[in-house]
Amino acid sequence: MVTIAELERLYGADIEQMDLMIVKIRLRSRLVPVDLDIARAGGAVRRDMKEGGIADAIIYATALMNRAKVLTGDAHFKELSEVIFVKSL
């Protein structure tokens, strides 16, 4: 759900585009609510991260706790395990 919040911040002014992105994400992903365990894991991950913010740490912790991968183009994820890094076009 944190990913949705980040996309809303960037693209929310274009309601049609945002709605389309949410549909695509929901078709290809499992949305996981942030609970106490994920919040604590996110805080622990953030302590160890060299770059990125708490939102990125929560996204990464959520993936780790759910045996999932993070698909991203954010450079600060590039060297982490369980990350599929995609270059922007």
Protein backbone atom coordinates (compact mmCIF):
# COMPACT_ATOMS: atom_id res chain seq x y z
CA MET A 1 0.00 0.00 0.00
CA VAL A 2 2.96 2.31 0.52
CA THR A 3 3.74 1.99 -3.19
CA ILE A 4 0.23 3.22 -3.99
CA ALA A 5 0.81 6.24 -1.73
CA GLU A 6 4.09 7.03 -3.51
CA LEU A 7 2.40 6.78 -6.92
CA GLU A 8 -0.46 8.98 -5.72
CA ARG A 9 2.07 11.62 -4.70
CA LEU A 10 3.68 11.55 -8.14
CA TYR A 11 0.74 10.94 -10.47
CA GLY A 12 -2.44 11.57 -8.47
CA ALA A 13 -3.22 14.83 -10.22
CA ASP A 14 -3.99 12.76 -13.33
CA ILE A 15 -6.90 10.71 -11.99
CA GLU A 16 -7.30 8.59 -15.12
CA GLN A 17 -3.61 7.65 -15.21
CA MET A 18 -3.59 6.91 -11.49
CA ASP A 19 -6.69 4.72 -11.72
CA LEU A 20 -5.17 2.79 -14.63
CA MET A 21 -1.91 2.22 -12.72
CA ILE A 22 -3.85 0.91 -9.70
CA VAL A 23 -5.79 -1.53 -11.90
CA LYS A 24 -2.54 -2.79 -13.44
CA ILE A 25 -0.86 -3.15 -10.06
CA ARG A 26 -3.82 -5.04 -8.60
CA LEU A 27 -3.88 -7.45 -11.54
CA ARG A 28 -0.17 -8.27 -11.19
CA SER A 29 0.45 -7.93 -7.46
CA ARG A 30 -0.81 -8.75 -4.03
CA LEU A 31 -1.47 -5.65 -1.95
CA VAL A 32 -0.31 -6.11 1.63
CA PRO A 33 -1.46 -3.82 4.45
CA VAL A 34 1.25 -2.51 6.75
CA ASP A 35 0.84 -4.14 10.17
CA LEU A 36 2.92 -3.89 13.34
CA ASP A 37 5.38 -6.61 12.26
CA ILE A 38 6.00 -4.96 8.89
CA ALA A 39 6.34 -1.52 10.52
CA ARG A 40 8.97 -2.80 12.94
CA ALA A 41 10.80 -4.69 10.20
CA GLY A 42 10.73 -1.54 8.06
CA GLY A 43 12.32 0.45 10.86
CA ALA A 44 15.04 -2.16 11.25
CA VAL A 45 15.69 -2.20 7.50
CA ARG A 46 15.88 1.61 7.44
CA ARG A 47 18.57 1.59 10.13
CA ASP A 48 20.75 -0.51 7.81
CA MET A 49 19.98 1.24 4.52
CA LYS A 50 22.52 3.71 3.18
CA GLU A 51 19.95 5.57 1.06
CA GLY A 52 16.18 5.82 0.72
CA GLY A 53 13.48 6.76 3.14
CA ILE A 54 11.16 4.95 5.51
CA ALA A 55 8.66 4.25 2.73
CA ASP A 56 11.32 2.39 0.74
CA ALA A 57 12.33 0.46 3.86
CA ILE A 58 8.72 -0.57 4.50
CA ILE A 59 8.31 -1.69 0.88
CA TYR A 60 11.49 -3.76 1.10
CA ALA A 61 10.58 -5.24 4.49
CA THR A 62 7.12 -6.15 3.20
CA ALA A 63 8.67 -8.03 0.28
CA LEU A 64 11.12 -9.87 2.52
CA MET A 65 8.42 -10.89 4.99
CA ASN A 66 6.18 -12.15 2.18
CA ARG A 67 8.88 -13.93 0.17
CA ALA A 68 8.31 -11.51 -2.69
CA LYS A 69 10.48 -9.40 -4.94
CA VAL A 70 10.66 -5.63 -5.25
CA LEU A 71 10.41 -4.47 -8.85
CA THR A 72 11.90 -0.99 -9.06
CA GLY A 73 14.01 1.48 -10.94
CA ASP A 74 15.14 3.26 -7.76
CA ALA A 75 18.94 3.11 -7.72
CA HIS A 76 19.22 2.70 -3.94
CA PHE A 77 17.55 -0.73 -4.22
CA LYS A 78 19.96 -1.93 -6.92
CA GLU A 79 22.38 -3.88 -4.72
CA LEU A 80 19.78 -5.40 -2.35
CA SER A 81 18.73 -9.03 -2.51
CA GLU A 82 15.19 -9.89 -3.61
CA VAL A 83 15.11 -6.88 -5.94
CA ILE A 84 14.44 -6.90 -9.67
CA PHE A 85 16.02 -3.71 -10.94
CA VAL A 86 14.62 -2.18 -14.12
CA LYS A 87 16.18 0.71 -15.98
CA SER A 88 13.96 3.61 -16.95
CA LEU A 89 13.45 4.17 -20.64
